[in-house]
Amino acid sequence: MARSMALVGFVQAQNCSNYAASWRHPEAAHDFLTLPYYQRIARTLEAGKFQLMFFDDRLAMPDIFEGSHAESVRNGVRVVKLDPLVVLATLAADTTRLGLGATMSTSYYPPFHVARSFATLDHLSNGRAGWNVVTSLNDSEAFNMGATGSIAHDTRYDRSDEYMEVVLGHWNAWQADALTLDRDSGEFADPAKVSRLDHVGEYFRSRGPHTVPRTPQDHPLIIQAGQSGRGREFALRWAELIFAIFPNLDFAKRVYGEIEAQALASDRDPESYRVAPLIYPIVAESQAEAEDKAALIESLAKPIDGLALLSEALNFDFGSKGLDEPFSDDELDAISGLRSIRDRVIKLSGKANPTVAEFVKFSARGTIKEAPNFIGSPTQVADGLEQWFTEKACDGFVVGASHVPGAYVDFVELVVPELQRRGLFHKDYPSSTLRGNLGFSGYRAP
């Protein structure tokens, strides 16, 4: 069977898209505190046959820059953050085939809570739930959740391995045929087919039995974005959809090949996961019109966007150093947030000790240059996506929005039909479940 591209709508339950400046766009909707805002996005993505609507999330607003939330609030840098799981539960009734994914941290929520929440969503959506597994990365999140500081990088993943064992243990507690609902005998369910977990580990204790029966797609889909060495190991052990940020095609092809080789070395079938990098497509009827759109979008970004988001992601106050002041070895070693950003900046700058300005430039944090841009007519954008897909740089794309809802509408109305015409993307949903629509027959137990 021919490969079919995966398309994921990258959504935030907040005042902007992942592009912090998106709320400043003259066509951006500002009713982000209302249900219709998210319904419009979901309906657009489902009309475009996207497999998944995926909500990113953090448990704190960006408030590490200069030790204050003031500049982030003043400039609207991802400061409003609704609970994405609540939003998705409402959208389950408003859609029929679109997958519904949300981020929930392994750092602060008990495994039983996560297991129950996503199993519930999987039932209410008839098998369309996905969990984006993250390890919270900065002190602000820790403080909001009652902890004294963030968890060390590798320890976060060690804890998360055990966390996954607990969650999957709960999801496996009910056999598929445990429910009998026999009025004549009075038996509701076969107790021999419902087990207690009784997990006692290094980091977690959880007894069970789980209170939610086996779900329509067996288990909610597992999404993960680990790109550092330890993070990639975690992703290849557990994830079915691996979210990535690849700066260019050559880099993407190299890393995609490395992931495949690592998967094969660990007896993981490359057909049991999909790799989807973030992109920002800007499409119009003509290249000139698309370039004009892109120029406007790029002009919306402010320096504070990048500085606030770098401070958040790297758990380091970028306001504590001058723009041209290099990071010391000790400061680089102490970075406990997204080390993939640190490593990328060191590699692209060619410097072992980059400056603050070089972090801003080479991370492109807070700009649409953080991920590849595909700018042009529908044919031109489809050409770029086809090249990445056919040259094995990815299995699909996480589509970021430069503004909402217009960026999603443009992509669905202009690019999706061209991808379908070329046979790269399905014309209709092949399955009723998220896992089925991504081409998986069932959950692969690690």
Protein backbone atom coordinates (compact mmCIF):
# COMPACT_ATOMS: atom_id res chain seq x y z
CA MET A 1 0.00 0.00 0.00
CA ALA A 2 1.30 3.47 -0.92
CA ARG A 3 2.42 5.72 1.90
CA SER A 4 -0.12 8.36 2.91
CA MET A 5 0.98 11.61 4.47
CA ALA A 6 0.05 12.39 8.07
CA LEU A 7 -1.26 15.90 8.69
CA VAL A 8 -1.52 17.28 12.21
CA GLY A 9 -2.99 20.64 13.17
CA PHE A 10 -0.73 22.19 15.83
CA VAL A 11 -3.11 24.08 18.11
CA GLN A 12 -2.87 25.95 21.39
CA ALA A 13 -5.69 26.63 23.84
CA GLN A 14 -4.32 30.10 24.34
CA ASN A 15 -4.31 33.66 23.04
CA CYS A 16 -2.10 32.85 20.06
CA SER A 17 -0.91 29.95 17.95
CA ASN A 18 2.53 28.48 18.51
CA TYR A 19 3.71 31.62 16.72
CA ALA A 20 3.51 34.08 19.61
CA ALA A 21 2.93 37.07 17.32
CA SER A 22 -0.09 35.50 15.64
CA TRP A 23 -2.59 37.41 17.79
CA ARG A 24 -1.22 40.66 16.31
CA HIS A 25 -2.22 39.64 12.77
CA PRO A 26 -4.99 41.89 11.39
CA GLU A 27 -7.09 38.82 10.52
CA ALA A 28 -6.53 36.91 13.76
CA ALA A 29 -9.62 35.93 15.73
CA HIS A 30 -9.57 37.16 19.33
CA ASP A 31 -12.39 35.04 20.81
CA PHE A 32 -9.92 32.46 22.14
CA LEU A 33 -11.78 32.24 25.45
CA THR A 34 -14.87 30.84 23.74
CA LEU A 35 -15.85 27.43 22.42
CA PRO A 36 -16.70 28.65 18.87
CA TYR A 37 -13.04 29.65 18.38
CA TYR A 38 -11.91 26.04 18.78
CA GLN A 39 -14.93 24.63 16.96
CA ARG A 40 -14.00 26.64 13.86
CA ILE A 41 -10.49 25.24 13.92
CA ALA A 42 -11.67 21.67 14.46
CA ARG A 43 -14.26 21.85 11.69
CA THR A 44 -11.69 23.29 9.29
CA LEU A 45 -9.16 20.57 10.04
CA GLU A 46 -11.78 17.82 9.76
CA ALA A 47 -12.96 19.24 6.42
CA GLY A 48 -9.34 18.93 5.31
CA LYS A 49 -9.21 15.29 6.54
CA PHE A 50 -6.40 16.02 8.99
CA GLN A 51 -5.73 12.96 11.12
CA LEU A 52 -5.15 14.93 14.31
CA MET A 53 -5.77 18.21 16.11
CA PHE A 54 -2.97 18.37 18.65
CA PHE A 55 -2.86 20.81 21.58
CA ASP A 56 0.50 21.91 22.90
CA ASP A 57 0.60 23.07 26.52
CA ARG A 58 2.77 24.27 29.39
CA LEU A 59 1.81 24.64 33.03
CA ALA A 60 3.02 28.23 33.35
CA MET A 61 3.17 31.39 31.29
CA PRO A 62 6.64 32.57 30.20
CA ASP A 63 7.83 34.45 33.31
CA ILE A 64 11.55 33.63 33.59
CA PHE A 65 12.82 36.54 31.45
CA GLU A 66 13.98 39.23 33.89
CA GLY A 67 12.32 37.24 36.66
CA SER A 68 8.87 38.55 35.83
CA HIS A 69 5.73 37.84 33.84
CA ALA A 70 5.29 41.54 33.04
CA GLU A 71 6.76 41.70 29.53
CA SER A 72 5.12 38.44 28.47
CA VAL A 73 1.71 39.66 29.65
CA ARG A 74 2.20 43.11 28.12
CA ASN A 75 3.09 41.58 24.74
CA GLY A 76 0.78 38.56 24.78
CA VAL A 77 3.58 35.99 24.57
CA ARG A 78 1.58 32.79 25.11
CA VAL A 79 0.24 33.89 28.47
CA VAL A 80 -3.38 32.68 28.33
CA LYS A 81 -3.44 28.89 28.67
CA LEU A 82 -6.75 27.06 29.00
CA ASP A 83 -6.93 23.39 29.95
CA PRO A 84 -6.62 21.63 26.56
CA LEU A 85 -8.23 18.39 27.72
CA VAL A 86 -11.42 20.22 28.68
CA VAL A 87 -11.45 21.92 25.28
CA LEU A 88 -11.01 18.58 23.51
CA ALA A 89 -13.82 16.96 25.48
CA THR A 90 -16.20 19.60 24.11
CA LEU A 91 -14.86 19.11 20.56
CA ALA A 92 -15.45 15.36 20.72
CA ALA A 93 -19.16 16.08 20.29
CA ASP A 94 -18.54 18.51 17.42
CA THR A 95 -16.42 16.23 15.21
CA THR A 96 -16.65 12.63 14.02
CA ARG A 97 -13.28 11.57 12.58
CA LEU A 98 -10.67 14.15 13.57
CA GLY A 99 -8.18 12.86 16.14
CA LEU A 100 -8.05 14.83 19.39
CA GLY A 101 -4.66 15.06 21.11
CA ALA A 102 -3.56 16.96 24.18
CA THR A 103 -0.40 17.49 26.19
CA MET A 104 -0.24 16.36 29.80
CA SER A 105 2.92 16.30 31.88
CA THR A 106 4.39 13.24 33.55
CA SER A 107 6.18 15.52 36.00
CA TYR A 108 3.23 16.56 38.15
CA TYR A 109 0.06 14.62 37.32
CA PRO A 110 -0.34 11.17 38.93
CA PRO A 111 -0.29 8.34 36.36
CA PHE A 112 -3.76 7.15 37.37
CA HIS A 113 -5.18 10.61 36.66
CA VAL A 114 -3.69 10.70 33.16
CA ALA A 115 -4.76 7.12 32.43
CA ARG A 116 -8.34 7.86 33.43
CA SER A 117 -8.56 11.25 31.66
CA PHE A 118 -7.37 10.02 28.27
CA ALA A 119 -9.27 6.73 28.46
CA THR A 120 -12.41 8.78 29.14
CA LEU A 121 -11.70 11.01 26.13
CA ASP A 122 -11.10 7.95 23.96
CA HIS A 123 -14.53 6.59 24.87
CA LEU A 124 -16.34 9.91 24.45
CA SER A 125 -14.71 10.47 21.04
CA ASN A 126 -15.25 6.86 19.86
CA GLY A 127 -11.54 6.14 19.62
CA ARG A 128 -9.93 9.44 18.62
CA ALA A 129 -7.86 10.38 21.69
CA GLY A 130 -4.12 10.97 21.75
CA TRP A 131 -1.82 11.85 24.64
CA ASN A 132 1.25 14.00 24.04
CA VAL A 133 3.69 12.81 26.70
CA VAL A 134 5.90 15.61 28.01
CA THR A 135 8.27 16.13 30.91
CA SER A 136 7.81 19.64 32.30
CA LEU A 137 11.00 21.55 31.75
CA ASN A 138 11.17 24.76 33.76
CA ASP A 139 10.95 26.04 37.31
CA SER A 140 7.84 28.13 36.63
CA GLU A 141 5.82 24.99 35.97
CA ALA A 142 7.26 23.39 39.09
CA PHE A 143 6.30 26.37 41.25
CA ASN A 144 2.73 26.38 39.90
CA MET A 145 2.36 22.69 40.71
CA GLY A 146 3.70 22.99 44.25
CA ALA A 147 7.25 21.74 43.65
CA THR A 148 10.46 23.55 44.57
CA GLY A 149 12.08 23.28 41.14
CA SER A 150 12.17 21.37 37.89
CA ILE A 151 13.38 17.78 37.70
CA ALA A 152 16.86 17.09 36.25
CA HIS A 153 16.85 16.32 32.51
CA ASP A 154 17.71 12.61 32.44
CA THR A 155 15.82 11.93 35.66
CA ARG A 156 12.69 13.30 34.00
CA TYR A 157 12.92 10.55 31.40
CA ASP A 158 13.78 7.83 33.93
CA ARG A 159 10.64 8.76 35.87
CA SER A 160 8.64 8.91 32.66
CA ASP A 161 9.63 5.38 31.63
CA GLU A 162 8.14 4.09 34.87
CA TYR A 163 5.21 6.47 34.45
CA MET A 164 4.38 4.91 31.08
CA GLU A 165 4.49 1.44 32.58
CA VAL A 166 1.92 2.52 35.16
CA VAL A 167 -0.39 4.23 32.65
CA LEU A 168 -0.29 1.29 30.25
CA GLY A 169 -0.78 -1.08 33.15
CA HIS A 170 -4.01 0.71 34.01
CA TRP A 171 -5.15 0.82 30.38
CA ASN A 172 -4.60 -2.95 30.20
CA ALA A 173 -6.55 -3.66 33.40
CA TRP A 174 -9.80 -4.45 31.62
CA GLN A 175 -9.77 -7.15 28.98
CA ALA A 176 -11.67 -6.22 25.84
CA ASP A 177 -14.57 -8.56 26.63
CA ALA A 178 -14.73 -7.91 30.38
CA LEU A 179 -18.10 -6.13 30.21
CA THR A 180 -20.97 -8.65 30.03
CA LEU A 181 -24.02 -6.51 30.98
CA ASP A 182 -26.09 -9.66 31.45
CA ARG A 183 -29.47 -8.65 32.91
CA ASP A 184 -30.62 -12.24 33.26
CA SER A 185 -27.69 -13.38 35.43
CA GLY A 186 -27.16 -9.99 36.98
CA GLU A 187 -23.46 -9.96 36.01
CA PHE A 188 -22.21 -6.54 34.94
CA ALA A 189 -18.62 -7.58 34.18
CA ASP A 190 -16.43 -10.65 34.60
CA PRO A 191 -14.17 -9.97 37.62
CA ALA A 192 -11.63 -12.47 36.30
CA LYS A 193 -11.10 -10.12 33.36
CA VAL A 194 -10.42 -6.99 35.44
CA SER A 195 -7.02 -6.92 37.13
CA ARG A 196 -5.36 -4.77 39.76
CA LEU A 197 -2.01 -3.21 38.92
CA ASP A 198 -0.35 -3.15 42.37
CA HIS A 199 2.60 -1.15 41.05
CA VAL A 200 5.34 -0.25 43.53
CA GLY A 201 8.36 1.27 41.84
CA GLU A 202 11.21 3.68 42.35
CA TYR A 203 9.11 6.76 41.61
CA PHE A 204 5.45 5.70 41.71
CA ARG A 205 2.96 3.61 43.61
CA SER A 206 -0.44 2.88 42.07
CA ARG A 207 -2.78 0.08 43.06
CA GLY A 208 -5.85 0.02 40.80
CA PRO A 209 -8.01 -1.53 39.46
CA HIS A 210 -8.48 1.10 36.78
CA THR A 211 -11.99 2.50 36.62
CA VAL A 212 -12.34 2.88 32.84
CA PRO A 213 -12.90 -0.21 30.63
CA ARG A 214 -10.75 -0.90 27.56
CA THR A 215 -11.19 1.90 25.02
CA PRO A 216 -12.30 1.81 21.35
CA GLN A 217 -8.77 2.01 19.95
CA ASP A 218 -7.34 -0.26 22.66
CA HIS A 219 -5.14 2.56 24.01
CA PRO A 220 -5.11 6.30 23.28
CA LEU A 221 -2.44 7.19 20.72
CA ILE A 222 0.96 8.10 22.22
CA ILE A 223 2.64 11.29 20.94
CA GLN A 224 6.11 12.39 21.99
CA ALA A 225 8.69 14.97 20.93
CA GLY A 226 11.98 13.78 22.42
CA GLN A 227 14.91 14.87 20.23
CA SER A 228 17.86 14.81 22.61
CA GLY A 229 19.69 11.50 22.99
CA ARG A 230 17.71 10.45 26.06
CA GLY A 231 14.52 11.95 24.69
CA ARG A 232 14.80 10.07 21.41
CA GLU A 233 15.38 6.82 23.29
CA PHE A 234 12.18 7.49 25.22
CA ALA A 235 10.22 8.37 22.07
CA LEU A 236 11.31 5.22 20.28
CA ARG A 237 10.31 3.08 23.22
CA TRP A 238 6.81 4.49 23.64
CA ALA A 239 5.63 6.88 20.91
CA GLU A 240 3.56 6.26 17.81
CA LEU A 241 3.68 9.85 16.55
CA ILE A 242 7.09 11.51 16.98
CA PHE A 243 6.86 15.30 16.77
CA ALA A 244 10.07 16.98 15.60
CA ILE A 245 11.58 20.32 14.63
CA PHE A 246 13.92 19.99 11.64
CA PRO A 247 15.50 23.23 10.35
CA ASN A 248 15.98 22.05 6.75
CA LEU A 249 15.62 19.10 4.39
CA ASP A 250 19.17 17.75 4.70
CA PHE A 251 18.99 17.83 8.49
CA ALA A 252 15.58 16.13 8.39
CA LYS A 253 16.77 13.32 6.12
CA ARG A 254 19.77 12.67 8.32
CA VAL A 255 17.80 12.58 11.57
CA TYR A 256 14.96 10.56 10.02
CA GLY A 257 17.55 7.98 8.95
CA GLU A 258 19.11 7.98 12.41
CA ILE A 259 15.72 7.39 14.02
CA GLU A 260 15.03 4.50 11.65
CA ALA A 261 18.44 2.93 12.32
CA GLN A 262 17.97 3.31 16.07
CA ALA A 263 14.50 1.79 15.82
CA LEU A 264 15.76 -1.24 13.90
CA ALA A 265 18.63 -1.69 16.36
CA SER A 266 16.10 -1.87 19.19
CA ASP A 267 13.74 -4.21 17.28
CA ARG A 268 11.20 -1.45 16.65
CA ASP A 269 9.35 -1.71 13.33
CA PRO A 270 9.63 1.66 11.50
CA GLU A 271 6.04 1.10 10.34
CA SER A 272 4.90 1.32 13.97
CA TYR A 273 5.56 5.07 14.28
CA ARG A 274 5.31 8.25 12.23
CA VAL A 275 7.75 11.18 12.28
CA ALA A 276 6.12 14.57 11.70
CA PRO A 277 8.10 17.85 11.84
CA LEU A 278 6.65 21.29 12.47
CA ILE A 279 6.22 23.54 9.44
CA TYR A 280 4.74 26.98 8.76
CA PRO A 281 3.06 27.00 5.33
CA ILE A 282 2.04 30.35 3.87
CA VAL A 283 -0.01 29.83 0.74
CA ALA A 284 -1.89 32.04 -1.68
CA GLU A 285 -3.08 31.87 -5.28
CA SER A 286 0.27 33.22 -6.49
CA GLN A 287 3.85 33.28 -5.24
CA ALA A 288 3.86 37.09 -5.12
CA GLU A 289 0.73 37.15 -2.95
CA ALA A 290 2.17 34.48 -0.66
CA GLU A 291 5.41 36.42 -0.28
CA ASP A 292 3.45 39.54 0.66
CA LYS A 293 1.59 37.49 3.28
CA ALA A 294 4.87 36.15 4.64
CA ALA A 295 6.40 39.63 4.89
CA LEU A 296 3.44 40.82 6.96
CA ILE A 297 3.58 37.75 9.21
CA GLU A 298 7.31 38.08 9.83
CA SER A 299 6.93 41.79 10.67
CA LEU A 300 4.62 40.94 13.60
CA ALA A 301 7.36 39.33 15.71
CA LYS A 302 9.05 41.37 18.46
CA PRO A 303 12.43 40.74 20.15
CA ILE A 304 10.67 40.08 23.45
CA ASP A 305 8.91 37.09 21.90
CA GLY A 306 12.16 35.22 21.34
CA LEU A 307 13.77 36.27 24.61
CA ALA A 308 10.75 35.30 26.71
CA LEU A 309 10.30 31.97 24.92
CA LEU A 310 14.00 31.09 25.07
CA SER A 311 14.02 31.80 28.81
CA GLU A 312 10.96 29.58 29.21
CA ALA A 313 12.24 26.70 27.08
CA LEU A 314 15.80 26.65 28.44
CA ASN A 315 14.90 27.48 32.06
CA PHE A 316 17.44 30.32 32.02
CA ASP A 317 16.88 34.07 32.30
CA PHE A 318 18.04 35.53 28.99
CA GLY A 319 17.60 38.98 30.50
CA SER A 320 20.49 38.31 32.87
CA LYS A 321 23.16 38.59 30.13
CA GLY A 322 24.05 41.14 27.47
CA LEU A 323 23.11 40.33 23.88
CA ASP A 324 26.75 39.91 22.85
CA GLU A 325 27.84 38.10 25.99
CA PRO A 326 28.74 34.42 25.43
CA PHE A 327 27.43 31.65 27.64
CA SER A 328 30.04 30.00 29.83
CA ASP A 329 30.56 26.25 29.81
CA ASP A 330 28.97 26.03 33.25
CA GLU A 331 25.89 27.97 32.09
CA LEU A 332 25.45 25.73 29.04
CA ASP A 333 25.85 22.61 31.15
CA ALA A 334 23.29 23.92 33.64
CA ILE A 335 20.56 24.34 30.99
CA SER A 336 17.84 21.93 32.07
CA GLY A 337 15.11 22.73 29.58
CA LEU A 338 14.97 21.82 25.90
CA ARG A 339 18.55 20.79 25.31
CA SER A 340 17.78 20.18 21.65
CA ILE A 341 17.59 23.99 21.26
CA ARG A 342 20.94 24.44 22.98
CA ASP A 343 22.55 21.76 20.81
CA ARG A 344 21.03 23.19 17.64
CA VAL A 345 22.36 26.70 18.38
CA ILE A 346 25.86 25.40 19.12
CA LYS A 347 25.86 23.41 15.88
CA LEU A 348 24.44 26.13 13.61
CA SER A 349 26.53 28.94 15.11
CA GLY A 350 29.71 26.90 14.95
CA LYS A 351 30.61 28.19 18.41
CA ALA A 352 31.05 26.19 21.59
CA ASN A 353 29.95 29.23 23.61
CA PRO A 354 27.26 31.14 21.70
CA THR A 355 26.08 34.59 22.77
CA VAL A 356 22.52 35.55 23.66
CA ALA A 357 22.18 37.15 20.22
CA GLU A 358 23.31 33.91 18.57
CA PHE A 359 20.76 31.94 20.58
CA VAL A 360 18.08 34.33 19.32
CA LYS A 361 19.32 34.09 15.73
CA PHE A 362 19.96 30.37 15.39
CA SER A 363 17.07 29.09 17.49
CA ALA A 364 14.68 31.51 15.71
CA ARG A 365 12.50 31.15 18.80
CA GLY A 366 9.43 33.37 18.60
CA THR A 367 9.54 33.60 14.79
CA ILE A 368 8.11 31.52 11.97
CA LYS A 369 11.72 30.75 11.00
CA GLU A 370 11.90 28.35 13.96
CA ALA A 371 10.58 25.72 11.56
CA PRO A 372 10.70 25.42 7.76
CA ASN A 373 8.46 27.80 5.85
CA PHE A 374 6.72 26.65 2.69
CA ILE A 375 5.74 29.88 0.93
CA GLY A 376 4.06 30.08 -2.46
CA SER A 377 1.18 28.93 -4.59
CA PRO A 378 -0.65 25.68 -3.82
CA THR A 379 1.51 23.89 -6.39
CA GLN A 380 4.73 25.28 -4.96
CA VAL A 381 3.85 24.42 -1.36
CA ALA A 382 2.74 20.93 -2.38
CA ASP A 383 6.02 20.49 -4.31
CA GLY A 384 7.98 21.21 -1.13
CA LEU A 385 5.92 18.89 1.03
CA GLU A 386 6.12 16.14 -1.59
CA GLN A 387 9.92 16.41 -1.70
CA TRP A 388 10.25 16.04 2.07
CA PHE A 389 7.79 13.16 2.13
CA THR A 390 9.11 11.18 -0.85
CA GLU A 391 12.78 11.69 0.02
CA LYS A 392 12.14 10.13 3.44
CA ALA A 393 12.67 13.22 5.57
CA CYS A 394 9.36 12.62 7.37
CA ASP A 395 6.05 10.74 7.32
CA GLY A 396 3.92 13.86 7.43
CA PHE A 397 3.75 17.32 8.93
CA VAL A 398 2.65 19.19 12.02
CA VAL A 399 1.10 22.29 10.50
CA GLY A 400 1.67 25.45 12.54
CA ALA A 401 -0.54 28.49 12.04
CA SER A 402 0.84 31.96 11.45
CA HIS A 403 -2.60 33.25 12.48
CA VAL A 404 -5.94 31.67 13.36
CA PRO A 405 -8.14 30.66 11.66
CA GLY A 406 -6.86 31.95 8.31
CA ALA A 407 -3.69 29.87 8.05
CA TYR A 408 -5.63 26.61 8.54
CA VAL A 409 -8.35 27.69 6.10
CA ASP A 410 -5.80 28.57 3.41
CA PHE A 411 -3.99 25.25 3.80
CA VAL A 412 -7.17 23.17 3.70
CA GLU A 413 -8.70 25.00 0.77
CA LEU A 414 -5.56 25.40 -1.35
CA VAL A 415 -2.92 22.78 -0.45
CA VAL A 416 -4.89 19.71 0.66
CA PRO A 417 -6.68 19.30 -2.71
CA GLU A 418 -3.32 19.43 -4.49
CA LEU A 419 -1.84 16.79 -2.18
CA GLN A 420 -4.91 14.61 -2.75
CA ARG A 421 -4.67 15.05 -6.52
CA ARG A 422 -1.09 13.75 -6.38
CA GLY A 423 -2.10 10.72 -4.31
CA LEU A 424 -0.02 11.84 -1.34
CA PHE A 425 -2.90 12.34 1.09
CA HIS A 426 -6.14 10.48 1.61
CA LYS A 427 -9.40 11.84 0.20
CA ASP A 428 -11.42 10.54 3.12
CA TYR A 429 -10.83 9.02 6.51
CA PRO A 430 -10.18 5.27 6.17
CA SER A 431 -11.06 4.49 9.78
CA SER A 432 -13.22 5.63 12.67
CA THR A 433 -10.22 5.77 15.04
CA LEU A 434 -7.18 8.01 15.20
CA ARG A 435 -4.81 5.07 15.23
CA GLY A 436 -6.53 3.58 12.18
CA ASN A 437 -6.37 6.87 10.29
CA LEU A 438 -2.61 6.96 10.84
CA GLY A 439 -2.31 3.46 9.43
CA PHE A 440 -1.75 1.51 12.64
CA SER A 441 -3.58 -1.75 13.26
CA GLY A 442 -3.22 -1.65 17.04
CA TYR A 443 -1.00 -0.44 19.85
CA ARG A 444 2.51 -1.88 19.79
CA ALA A 445 3.40 -2.90 23.32
CA PRO A 446 7.04 -1.99 24.13
